[in-house]
Every structure is written in structure tokens, then in C-alpha cells.
Amino acid sequence: MAEPAVTAEGILGLLPHRYPFLLIDRVLELSPDRVLALKNVSWNEPYFQGPFPGAPVMPGVLQVEAMAQAGGVLASPADQFDPTTHVTLFMAIDAVKFRKPV
């Protein structure tokens, strides 16, 4: 497996989120206009215990949050971005494109 573009430690330096709300584990690819991030989803995630017993599904709002966090990593290399004093806000999504259960 290739080295991640941003490690877990690097993500912690870019985003304010921490467990259990940090929803990306690695960034595999990072370019000025694209980010490919990975979340290791395991059977024992606490959100699998609730809504659909016997059919674990990651809630859509958490999937969107994971994508927003990846977007924060994508935005962080921008000129003059300082994660200690700046906050990246997620504003909107075209949810029709994201209709796959996790």
C-alpha cells in the first residue's frame, strides 16, 4: 500500500475534530482540486447499534460529515490557512449524488 498523502497525525493537525467525531482516518490522495480520504468502518461502531438492528448502516448525516471533513483537509493548504485560528465551515451539498448505504 502506498504512503498516505496525509496521515492520521496530519489530519489531527488540520482539523479540530477528535474521536468519536473525527470521521476520516487517512487521506490517500490530495491535489489542489481533489481529495480521496478513507474511513475505516468496523462492525462495532456505536451508530450501528441503533436504527436498523441486524442491518448496520452508517447514518447519512455521518457520511456527509466525513465528506465535509475531507473537504476541510482539501481546503487547508490554501494560502494563509492556519488551523489554530481559522475554521472551515461546510455550507451545502447536492445529496442526490450520494445514495449508497455504508
PDB file of N, CA and C in Angstrom:
ATOM      1  N   MET A   1       0.834  -1.176   0.000  1.00  0.00           N
ATOM      2  CA  MET A   1       0.000   0.000   0.000  1.00  0.00           C
ATOM      3  C   MET A   1       0.881   1.242   0.000  1.00  0.00           C
ATOM      4  N   ALA A   2       0.480   2.226  -0.772  1.00  0.00           N
ATOM      5  CA  ALA A   2       1.260   3.466  -0.870  1.00  0.00           C
ATOM      6  C   ALA A   2       1.114   4.289   0.407  1.00  0.00           C
ATOM      7  N   GLU A   3       2.106   5.122   0.648  1.00  0.00           N
ATOM      8  CA  GLU A   3       2.061   6.024   1.800  1.00  0.00           C
ATOM      9  C   GLU A   3       0.877   6.982   1.660  1.00  0.00           C
ATOM     10  N   PRO A   4       0.173   7.254   2.750  1.00  0.00           N
ATOM     11  CA  PRO A   4      -0.934   8.217   2.651  1.00  0.00           C
ATOM     12  C   PRO A   4      -0.416   9.618   2.377  1.00  0.00           C
ATOM     13  N   ALA A   5      -1.219  10.401   1.672  1.00  0.00           N
ATOM     14  CA  ALA A   5      -0.863  11.797   1.414  1.00  0.00           C
ATOM     15  C   ALA A   5      -0.881  12.588   2.716  1.00  0.00           C
ATOM     16  N   VAL A   6      -1.815  12.233   3.614  1.00  0.00           N
ATOM     17  CA  VAL A   6      -1.895  12.839   4.940  1.00  0.00           C
ATOM     18  C   VAL A   6      -2.174  11.711   5.928  1.00  0.00           C
ATOM     19  N   THR A   7      -1.343  11.582   6.925  1.00  0.00           N
ATOM     20  CA  THR A   7      -1.503  10.541   7.930  1.00  0.00           C
ATOM     21  C   THR A   7      -2.561  10.944   8.958  1.00  0.00           C
ATOM     22  N   ALA A   8      -2.897  10.015   9.837  1.00  0.00           N
ATOM     23  CA  ALA A   8      -3.840  10.308  10.918  1.00  0.00           C
ATOM     24  C   ALA A   8      -3.332  11.473  11.762  1.00  0.00           C
ATOM     25  N   GLU A   9      -2.051  11.488  12.045  1.00  0.00           N
ATOM     26  CA  GLU A   9      -1.468  12.580  12.832  1.00  0.00           C
ATOM     27  C   GLU A   9      -1.574  13.908  12.085  1.00  0.00           C
ATOM     28  N   GLY A  10      -1.380  13.869  10.778  1.00  0.00           N
ATOM     29  CA  GLY A  10      -1.505  15.076   9.970  1.00  0.00           C
ATOM     30  C   GLY A  10      -2.925  15.607   9.959  1.00  0.00           C
ATOM     31  N   ILE A  11      -3.903  14.699   9.906  1.00  0.00           N
ATOM     32  CA  ILE A  11      -5.309  15.106   9.937  1.00  0.00           C
ATOM     33  C   ILE A  11      -5.611  15.808  11.254  1.00  0.00           C
ATOM     34  N   LEU A  12      -5.087  15.274  12.362  1.00  0.00           N
ATOM     35  CA  LEU A  12      -5.298  15.893  13.671  1.00  0.00           C
ATOM     36  C   LEU A  12      -4.729  17.306  13.725  1.00  0.00           C
ATOM     37  N   GLY A  13      -3.691  17.571  12.933  1.00  0.00           N
ATOM     38  CA  GLY A  13      -3.111  18.906  12.877  1.00  0.00           C
ATOM     39  C   GLY A  13      -3.892  19.878  12.009  1.00  0.00           C
ATOM     40  N   LEU A  14      -4.775  19.334  11.144  1.00  0.00           N
ATOM     41  CA  LEU A  14      -5.532  20.185  10.221  1.00  0.00           C
ATOM     42  C   LEU A  14      -6.972  20.426  10.657  1.00  0.00           C
ATOM     43  N   LEU A  15      -7.555  19.450  11.363  1.00  0.00           N
ATOM     44  CA  LEU A  15      -8.960  19.541  11.755  1.00  0.00           C
ATOM     45  C   LEU A  15      -9.098  19.602  13.271  1.00  0.00           C
ATOM     46  N   PRO A  16     -10.106  20.291  13.772  1.00  0.00           N
ATOM     47  CA  PRO A  16     -10.309  20.337  15.218  1.00  0.00           C
ATOM     48  C   PRO A  16     -11.010  19.093  15.767  1.00  0.00           C
ATOM     49  N   HIS A  17     -11.553  18.247  14.903  1.00  0.00           N
ATOM     50  CA  HIS A  17     -12.336  17.092  15.327  1.00  0.00           C
ATOM     51  C   HIS A  17     -11.468  16.044  16.018  1.00  0.00           C
ATOM     52  N   ARG A  18     -12.050  15.364  17.001  1.00  0.00           N
ATOM     53  CA  ARG A  18     -11.399  14.264  17.712  1.00  0.00           C
ATOM     54  C   ARG A  18     -12.396  13.132  17.874  1.00  0.00           C
ATOM     55  N   TYR A  19     -11.898  11.947  18.219  1.00  0.00           N
ATOM     56  CA  TYR A  19     -12.764  10.794  18.421  1.00  0.00           C
ATOM     57  C   TYR A  19     -13.839  11.139  19.443  1.00  0.00           C
ATOM     58  N   PRO A  20     -15.067  10.768  19.207  1.00  0.00           N
ATOM     59  CA  PRO A  20     -15.598   9.915  18.144  1.00  0.00           C
ATOM     60  C   PRO A  20     -16.091  10.677  16.917  1.00  0.00           C
ATOM     61  N   PHE A  21     -15.819  11.979  16.866  1.00  0.00           N
ATOM     62  CA  PHE A  21     -16.342  12.782  15.761  1.00  0.00           C
ATOM     63  C   PHE A  21     -15.363  13.002  14.624  1.00  0.00           C
ATOM     64  N   LEU A  22     -14.149  12.517  14.737  1.00  0.00           N
ATOM     65  CA  LEU A  22     -13.231  12.550  13.600  1.00  0.00           C
ATOM     66  C   LEU A  22     -13.577  11.361  12.719  1.00  0.00           C
ATOM     67  N   LEU A  23     -14.059  11.622  11.523  1.00  0.00           N
ATOM     68  CA  LEU A  23     -14.609  10.567  10.680  1.00  0.00           C
ATOM     69  C   LEU A  23     -13.771  10.254   9.450  1.00  0.00           C
ATOM     70  N   ILE A  24     -12.526  10.693   9.412  1.00  0.00           N
ATOM     71  CA  ILE A  24     -11.606  10.233   8.378  1.00  0.00           C
ATOM     72  C   ILE A  24     -10.328   9.766   9.062  1.00  0.00           C
ATOM     73  N   ASP A  25      -9.768   8.694   8.550  1.00  0.00           N
ATOM     74  CA  ASP A  25      -8.582   8.096   9.155  1.00  0.00           C
ATOM     75  C   ASP A  25      -7.292   8.390   8.397  1.00  0.00           C
ATOM     76  N   ARG A  26      -7.399   8.522   7.090  1.00  0.00           N
ATOM     77  CA  ARG A  26      -6.230   8.803   6.249  1.00  0.00           C
ATOM     78  C   ARG A  26      -6.684   9.551   5.013  1.00  0.00           C
ATOM     79  N   VAL A  27      -5.783  10.287   4.438  1.00  0.00           N
ATOM     80  CA  VAL A  27      -6.015  10.900   3.136  1.00  0.00           C
ATOM     81  C   VAL A  27      -5.072  10.213   2.170  1.00  0.00           C
ATOM     82  N   LEU A  28      -5.644   9.523   1.192  1.00  0.00           N
ATOM     83  CA  LEU A  28      -4.845   8.747   0.247  1.00  0.00           C
ATOM     84  C   LEU A  28      -4.316   9.600  -0.895  1.00  0.00           C
ATOM     85  N   GLU A  29      -5.119  10.570  -1.335  1.00  0.00           N
ATOM     86  CA  GLU A  29      -4.708  11.464  -2.417  1.00  0.00           C
ATOM     87  C   GLU A  29      -5.110  12.887  -2.059  1.00  0.00           C
ATOM     88  N   LEU A  30      -4.247  13.828  -2.374  1.00  0.00           N
ATOM     89  CA  LEU A  30      -4.553  15.240  -2.135  1.00  0.00           C
ATOM     90  C   LEU A  30      -3.907  16.063  -3.234  1.00  0.00           C
ATOM     91  N   SER A  31      -4.736  16.772  -3.979  1.00  0.00           N
ATOM     92  CA  SER A  31      -4.264  17.694  -5.008  1.00  0.00           C
ATOM     93  C   SER A  31      -5.042  18.991  -4.827  1.00  0.00           C
ATOM     94  N   PRO A  32      -4.733  20.029  -5.586  1.00  0.00           N
ATOM     95  CA  PRO A  32      -5.437  21.303  -5.388  1.00  0.00           C
ATOM     96  C   PRO A  32      -6.956  21.222  -5.574  1.00  0.00           C
ATOM     97  N   ASP A  33      -7.449  20.242  -6.353  1.00  0.00           N
ATOM     98  CA  ASP A  33      -8.886  20.172  -6.602  1.00  0.00           C
ATOM     99  C   ASP A  33      -9.510  18.819  -6.290  1.00  0.00           C
ATOM    100  N   ARG A  34      -8.799  17.955  -5.565  1.00  0.00           N
ATOM    101  CA  ARG A  34      -9.339  16.615  -5.279  1.00  0.00           C
ATOM    102  C   ARG A  34      -8.748  16.074  -3.986  1.00  0.00           C
ATOM    103  N   VAL A  35      -9.609  15.397  -3.219  1.00  0.00           N
ATOM    104  CA  VAL A  35      -9.160  14.701  -2.019  1.00  0.00           C
ATOM    105  C   VAL A  35      -9.814  13.316  -2.016  1.00  0.00           C
ATOM    106  N   LEU A  36      -9.037  12.319  -1.673  1.00  0.00           N
ATOM    107  CA  LEU A  36      -9.544  10.958  -1.514  1.00  0.00           C
ATOM    108  C   LEU A  36      -9.187  10.526  -0.101  1.00  0.00           C
ATOM    109  N   ALA A  37     -10.208  10.425   0.753  1.00  0.00           N
ATOM    110  CA  ALA A  37      -9.995  10.115   2.163  1.00  0.00           C
ATOM    111  C   ALA A  37     -10.593   8.753   2.487  1.00  0.00           C
ATOM    112  N   LEU A  38     -10.112   8.160   3.575  1.00  0.00           N
ATOM    113  CA  LEU A  38     -10.534   6.822   3.987  1.00  0.00           C
ATOM    114  C   LEU A  38     -11.037   6.859   5.420  1.00  0.00           C
ATOM    115  N   LYS A  39     -12.176   6.228   5.652  1.00  0.00           N
ATOM    116  CA  LYS A  39     -12.697   5.997   6.996  1.00  0.00           C
ATOM    117  C   LYS A  39     -12.788   4.487   7.169  1.00  0.00           C
ATOM    118  N   ASN A  40     -12.083   3.944   8.125  1.00  0.00           N
ATOM    119  CA  ASN A  40     -12.167   2.517   8.423  1.00  0.00           C
ATOM    120  C   ASN A  40     -13.432   2.278   9.242  1.00  0.00           C
ATOM    121  N   VAL A  41     -14.440   1.706   8.610  1.00  0.00           N
ATOM    122  CA  VAL A  41     -15.711   1.441   9.262  1.00  0.00           C
ATOM    123  C   VAL A  41     -15.695  -0.002   9.740  1.00  0.00           C
ATOM    124  N   SER A  42     -15.934  -0.195  11.045  1.00  0.00           N
ATOM    125  CA  SER A  42     -15.952  -1.553  11.596  1.00  0.00           C
ATOM    126  C   SER A  42     -17.318  -1.867  12.187  1.00  0.00           C
ATOM    127  N   TRP A  43     -17.582  -3.126  12.337  1.00  0.00           N
ATOM    128  CA  TRP A  43     -18.862  -3.623  12.814  1.00  0.00           C
ATOM    129  C   TRP A  43     -19.251  -3.035  14.169  1.00  0.00           C
ATOM    130  N   ASN A  44     -18.287  -2.740  15.018  1.00  0.00           N
ATOM    131  CA  ASN A  44     -18.599  -2.309  16.381  1.00  0.00           C
ATOM    132  C   ASN A  44     -18.748  -0.794  16.532  1.00  0.00           C
ATOM    133  N   GLU A  45     -18.895  -0.063  15.450  1.00  0.00           N
ATOM    134  CA  GLU A  45     -19.134   1.376  15.559  1.00  0.00           C
ATOM    135  C   GLU A  45     -20.429   1.592  16.339  1.00  0.00           C
ATOM    136  N   PRO A  46     -20.451   2.562  17.267  1.00  0.00           N
ATOM    137  CA  PRO A  46     -21.634   2.735  18.115  1.00  0.00           C
ATOM    138  C   PRO A  46     -22.917   3.048  17.339  1.00  0.00           C
ATOM    139  N   TYR A  47     -22.812   3.730  16.202  1.00  0.00           N
ATOM    140  CA  TYR A  47     -24.016   4.082  15.455  1.00  0.00           C
ATOM    141  C   TYR A  47     -24.639   2.892  14.751  1.00  0.00           C
ATOM    142  N   PHE A  48     -23.943   1.757  14.663  1.00  0.00           N
ATOM    143  CA  PHE A  48     -24.533   0.557  14.065  1.00  0.00           C
ATOM    144  C   PHE A  48     -25.489  -0.158  15.017  1.00  0.00           C
ATOM    145  N   GLN A  49     -25.495   0.206  16.283  1.00  0.00           N
ATOM    146  CA  GLN A  49     -26.311  -0.484  17.270  1.00  0.00           C
ATOM    147  C   GLN A  49     -27.774  -0.052  17.231  1.00  0.00           C
ATOM    148  N   GLY A  50     -28.079   1.051  16.586  1.00  0.00           N
ATOM    149  CA  GLY A  50     -29.403   1.633  16.720  1.00  0.00           C
ATOM    150  C   GLY A  50     -30.420   1.393  15.646  1.00  0.00           C
ATOM    151  N   PRO A  51     -30.415   2.192  14.577  1.00  0.00           N
ATOM    152  CA  PRO A  51     -31.601   2.313  13.741  1.00  0.00           C
ATOM    153  C   PRO A  51     -32.053   1.063  13.005  1.00  0.00           C
ATOM    154  N   PHE A  52     -31.145   0.210  12.578  1.00  0.00           N
ATOM    155  CA  PHE A  52     -31.522  -0.949  11.770  1.00  0.00           C
ATOM    156  C   PHE A  52     -30.900  -2.213  12.351  1.00  0.00           C
ATOM    157  N   PRO A  53     -31.466  -2.768  13.430  1.00  0.00           N
ATOM    158  CA  PRO A  53     -30.888  -3.969  14.049  1.00  0.00           C
ATOM    159  C   PRO A  53     -30.710  -5.097  13.023  1.00  0.00           C
ATOM    160  N   GLY A  54     -29.524  -5.675  13.009  1.00  0.00           N
ATOM    161  CA  GLY A  54     -29.219  -6.757  12.073  1.00  0.00           C
ATOM    162  C   GLY A  54     -28.816  -6.284  10.693  1.00  0.00           C
ATOM    163  N   ALA A  55     -28.968  -5.010  10.405  1.00  0.00           N
ATOM    164  CA  ALA A  55     -28.578  -4.448   9.107  1.00  0.00           C
ATOM    165  C   ALA A  55     -27.860  -3.127   9.373  1.00  0.00           C
ATOM    166  N   PRO A  56     -26.591  -3.193   9.770  1.00  0.00           N
ATOM    167  CA  PRO A  56     -25.878  -1.963  10.147  1.00  0.00           C
ATOM    168  C   PRO A  56     -25.701  -1.010   8.965  1.00  0.00           C
ATOM    169  N   VAL A  57     -26.116   0.217   9.172  1.00  0.00           N
ATOM    170  CA  VAL A  57     -25.992   1.257   8.154  1.00  0.00           C
ATOM    171  C   VAL A  57     -25.418   2.495   8.835  1.00  0.00           C
ATOM    172  N   MET A  58     -24.374   3.058   8.234  1.00  0.00           N
ATOM    173  CA  MET A  58     -23.816   4.306   8.744  1.00  0.00           C
ATOM    174  C   MET A  58     -24.793   5.431   8.413  1.00  0.00           C
ATOM    175  N   PRO A  59     -25.266   6.175   9.428  1.00  0.00           N
ATOM    176  CA  PRO A  59     -26.231   7.239   9.152  1.00  0.00           C
ATOM    177  C   PRO A  59     -25.718   8.237   8.118  1.00  0.00           C
ATOM    178  N   GLY A  60     -26.621   8.648   7.244  1.00  0.00           N
ATOM    179  CA  GLY A  60     -26.264   9.567   6.164  1.00  0.00           C
ATOM    180  C   GLY A  60     -25.632  10.854   6.662  1.00  0.00           C
ATOM    181  N   VAL A  61     -26.110  11.360   7.800  1.00  0.00           N
ATOM    182  CA  VAL A  61     -25.544  12.598   8.326  1.00  0.00           C
ATOM    183  C   VAL A  61     -24.070  12.413   8.687  1.00  0.00           C
ATOM    184  N   LEU A  62     -23.677  11.219   9.127  1.00  0.00           N
ATOM    185  CA  LEU A  62     -22.267  10.958   9.427  1.00  0.00           C
ATOM    186  C   LEU A  62     -21.456  10.776   8.146  1.00  0.00           C
ATOM    187  N   GLN A  63     -22.073  10.219   7.116  1.00  0.00           N
ATOM    188  CA  GLN A  63     -21.393  10.128   5.827  1.00  0.00           C
ATOM    189  C   GLN A  63     -21.110  11.527   5.279  1.00  0.00           C
ATOM    190  N   VAL A  64     -22.091  12.416   5.387  1.00  0.00           N
ATOM    191  CA  VAL A  64     -21.908  13.792   4.924  1.00  0.00           C
ATOM    192  C   VAL A  64     -20.845  14.489   5.759  1.00  0.00           C
ATOM    193  N   GLU A  65     -20.853  14.253   7.081  1.00  0.00           N
ATOM    194  CA  GLU A  65     -19.831  14.850   7.946  1.00  0.00           C
ATOM    195  C   GLU A  65     -18.432  14.369   7.551  1.00  0.00           C
ATOM    196  N   ALA A  66     -18.286  13.090   7.224  1.00  0.00           N
ATOM    197  CA  ALA A  66     -16.984  12.566   6.787  1.00  0.00           C
ATOM    198  C   ALA A  66     -16.537  13.264   5.505  1.00  0.00           C
ATOM    199  N   MET A  67     -17.466  13.467   4.570  1.00  0.00           N
ATOM    200  CA  MET A  67     -17.120  14.173   3.332  1.00  0.00           C
ATOM    201  C   MET A  67     -16.754  15.625   3.620  1.00  0.00           C
ATOM    202  N   ALA A  68     -17.469  16.254   4.554  1.00  0.00           N
ATOM    203  CA  ALA A  68     -17.153  17.633   4.918  1.00  0.00           C
ATOM    204  C   ALA A  68     -15.762  17.729   5.536  1.00  0.00           C
ATOM    205  N   GLN A  69     -15.394  16.751   6.373  1.00  0.00           N
ATOM    206  CA  GLN A  69     -14.060  16.760   6.965  1.00  0.00           C
ATOM    207  C   GLN A  69     -12.988  16.576   5.897  1.00  0.00           C
ATOM    208  N   ALA A  70     -13.252  15.714   4.925  1.00  0.00           N
ATOM    209  CA  ALA A  70     -12.305  15.571   3.815  1.00  0.00           C
ATOM    210  C   ALA A  70     -12.181  16.892   3.063  1.00  0.00           C
ATOM    211  N   GLY A  71     -13.306  17.593   2.890  1.00  0.00           N
ATOM    212  CA  GLY A  71     -13.269  18.914   2.261  1.00  0.00           C
ATOM    213  C   GLY A  71     -12.443  19.900   3.060  1.00  0.00           C
ATOM    214  N   GLY A  72     -12.497  19.799   4.387  1.00  0.00           N
ATOM    215  CA  GLY A  72     -11.671  20.652   5.235  1.00  0.00           C
ATOM    216  C   GLY A  72     -10.198  20.409   5.015  1.00  0.00           C
ATOM    217  N   VAL A  73      -9.830  19.144   4.826  1.00  0.00           N
ATOM    218  CA  VAL A  73      -8.431  18.816   4.523  1.00  0.00           C
ATOM    219  C   VAL A  73      -8.061  19.375   3.150  1.00  0.00           C
ATOM    220  N   LEU A  74      -8.973  19.267   2.194  1.00  0.00           N
ATOM    221  CA  LEU A  74      -8.732  19.804   0.855  1.00  0.00           C
ATOM    222  C   LEU A  74      -8.517  21.317   0.901  1.00  0.00           C
ATOM    223  N   ALA A  75      -9.282  22.012   1.736  1.00  0.00           N
ATOM    224  CA  ALA A  75      -9.190  23.466   1.825  1.00  0.00           C
ATOM    225  C   ALA A  75      -7.987  23.929   2.632  1.00  0.00           C
ATOM    226  N   SER A  76      -7.462  23.102   3.494  1.00  0.00           N
ATOM    227  CA  SER A  76      -6.422  23.541   4.432  1.00  0.00           C
ATOM    228  C   SER A  76      -5.115  24.018   3.798  1.00  0.00           C
ATOM    229  N   PRO A  77      -4.680  23.482   2.651  1.00  0.00           N
ATOM    230  CA  PRO A  77      -3.432  24.017   2.086  1.00  0.00           C
ATOM    231  C   PRO A  77      -3.566  25.409   1.469  1.00  0.00           C
ATOM    232  N   ALA A  78      -4.771  25.963   1.484  1.00  0.00           N
ATOM    233  CA  ALA A  78      -4.981  27.285   0.890  1.00  0.00           C
ATOM    234  C   ALA A  78      -4.047  28.308   1.531  1.00  0.00           C
ATOM    235  N   ASP A  79      -3.732  29.325   0.770  1.00  0.00           N
ATOM    236  CA  ASP A  79      -2.841  30.381   1.263  1.00  0.00           C
ATOM    237  C   ASP A  79      -3.343  30.953   2.582  1.00  0.00           C
ATOM    238  N   GLN A  80      -2.465  31.101   3.506  1.00  0.00           N
ATOM    239  CA  GLN A  80      -2.712  31.746   4.784  1.00  0.00           C
ATOM    240  C   GLN A  80      -3.728  31.018   5.657  1.00  0.00           C
ATOM    241  N   PHE A  81      -3.932  29.707   5.464  1.00  0.00           N
ATOM    242  CA  PHE A  81      -4.817  28.936   6.345  1.00  0.00           C
ATOM    243  C   PHE A  81      -4.021  28.481   7.556  1.00  0.00           C
ATOM    244  N   ASP A  82      -4.499  28.843   8.726  1.00  0.00           N
ATOM    245  CA  ASP A  82      -3.875  28.436   9.980  1.00  0.00           C
ATOM    246  C   ASP A  82      -4.930  27.711  10.811  1.00  0.00           C
ATOM    247  N   PRO A  83      -4.826  26.370  10.963  1.00  0.00           N
ATOM    248  CA  PRO A  83      -5.873  25.627  11.668  1.00  0.00           C
ATOM    249  C   PRO A  83      -6.031  26.012  13.129  1.00  0.00           C
ATOM    250  N   THR A  84      -5.071  26.737  13.686  1.00  0.00           N
ATOM    251  CA  THR A  84      -5.222  27.163  15.081  1.00  0.00           C
ATOM    252  C   THR A  84      -6.085  28.419  15.207  1.00  0.00           C
ATOM    253  N   THR A  85      -6.251  29.161  14.109  1.00  0.00           N
ATOM    254  CA  THR A  85      -7.042  30.393  14.180  1.00  0.00           C
ATOM    255  C   THR A  85      -8.162  30.466  13.150  1.00  0.00           C
ATOM    256  N   HIS A  86      -8.173  29.563  12.167  1.00  0.00           N
ATOM    257  CA  HIS A  86      -9.202  29.568  11.129  1.00  0.00           C
ATOM    258  C   HIS A  86     -10.104  28.341  11.270  1.00  0.00           C
ATOM    259  N   VAL A  87     -11.349  28.491  10.844  1.00  0.00           N
ATOM    260  CA  VAL A  87     -12.312  27.399  10.850  1.00  0.00           C
ATOM    261  C   VAL A  87     -12.892  27.286   9.448  1.00  0.00           C
ATOM    262  N   THR A  88     -12.935  26.068   8.909  1.00  0.00           N
ATOM    263  CA  THR A  88     -13.567  25.819   7.622  1.00  0.00           C
ATOM    264  C   THR A  88     -14.989  25.361   7.891  1.00  0.00           C
ATOM    265  N   LEU A  89     -15.968  26.017   7.286  1.00  0.00           N
ATOM    266  CA  LEU A  89     -17.368  25.677   7.500  1.00  0.00           C
ATOM    267  C   LEU A  89     -17.952  25.004   6.272  1.00  0.00           C
ATOM    268  N   PHE A  90     -18.745  23.971   6.504  1.00  0.00           N
ATOM    269  CA  PHE A  90     -19.457  23.251   5.454  1.00  0.00           C
ATOM    270  C   PHE A  90     -20.795  23.951   5.238  1.00  0.00           C
ATOM    271  N   MET A  91     -21.115  24.300   4.003  1.00  0.00           N
ATOM    272  CA  MET A  91     -22.296  25.117   3.748  1.00  0.00           C
ATOM    273  C   MET A  91     -23.432  24.385   3.016  1.00  0.00           C
ATOM    274  N   ALA A  92     -23.133  23.467   2.081  1.00  0.00           N
ATOM    275  CA  ALA A  92     -24.205  22.842   1.304  1.00  0.00           C
ATOM    276  C   ALA A  92     -23.695  21.581   0.618  1.00  0.00           C
ATOM    277  N   ILE A  93     -24.649  20.745   0.200  1.00  0.00           N
ATOM    278  CA  ILE A  93     -24.311  19.538  -0.550  1.00  0.00           C
ATOM    279  C   ILE A  93     -25.468  19.195  -1.488  1.00  0.00           C
ATOM    280  N   ASP A  94     -25.134  18.630  -2.630  1.00  0.00           N
ATOM    281  CA  ASP A  94     -26.148  18.097  -3.545  1.00  0.00           C
ATOM    282  C   ASP A  94     -26.305  16.618  -3.181  1.00  0.00           C
ATOM    283  N   ALA A  95     -27.198  16.322  -2.253  1.00  0.00           N
ATOM    284  CA  ALA A  95     -27.320  14.981  -1.674  1.00  0.00           C
ATOM    285  C   ALA A  95     -27.841  13.946  -2.663  1.00  0.00           C
ATOM    286  N   VAL A  96     -28.411  14.347  -3.770  1.00  0.00           N
ATOM    287  CA  VAL A  96     -28.923  13.390  -4.737  1.00  0.00           C
ATOM    288  C   VAL A  96     -27.810  12.498  -5.268  1.00  0.00           C
ATOM    289  N   LYS A  97     -26.597  12.988  -5.326  1.00  0.00           N
ATOM    290  CA  LYS A  97     -25.475  12.228  -5.860  1.00  0.00           C
ATOM    291  C   LYS A  97     -25.001  11.128  -4.904  1.00  0.00           C
ATOM    292  N   PHE A  98     -25.408  11.189  -3.630  1.00  0.00           N
ATOM    293  CA  PHE A  98     -24.873  10.286  -2.625  1.00  0.00           C
ATOM    294  C   PHE A  98     -25.978   9.401  -2.073  1.00  0.00           C
ATOM    295  N   ARG A  99     -26.328   8.372  -2.814  1.00  0.00           N
ATOM    296  CA  ARG A  99     -27.410   7.482  -2.391  1.00  0.00           C
ATOM    297  C   ARG A  99     -26.936   6.033  -2.344  1.00  0.00           C
ATOM    298  N   LYS A 100     -25.880   5.798  -1.570  1.00  0.00           N
ATOM    299  CA  LYS A 100     -25.371   4.441  -1.395  1.00  0.00           C
ATOM    300  C   LYS A 100     -25.213   4.176   0.088  1.00  0.00           C
ATOM    301  N   PRO A 101     -25.755   3.080   0.577  1.00  0.00           N
ATOM    302  CA  PRO A 101     -25.578   2.783   2.003  1.00  0.00           C
ATOM    303  C   PRO A 101     -24.144   2.361   2.324  1.00  0.00           C
ATOM    304  N   VAL A 102     -23.717   2.697   3.523  1.00  0.00           N
ATOM    305  CA  VAL A 102     -22.395   2.293   4.013  1.00  0.00           C
ATOM    306  C   VAL A 102     -22.615   1.398   5.218  1.00  0.00           C
TER     307      VAL A 102
END
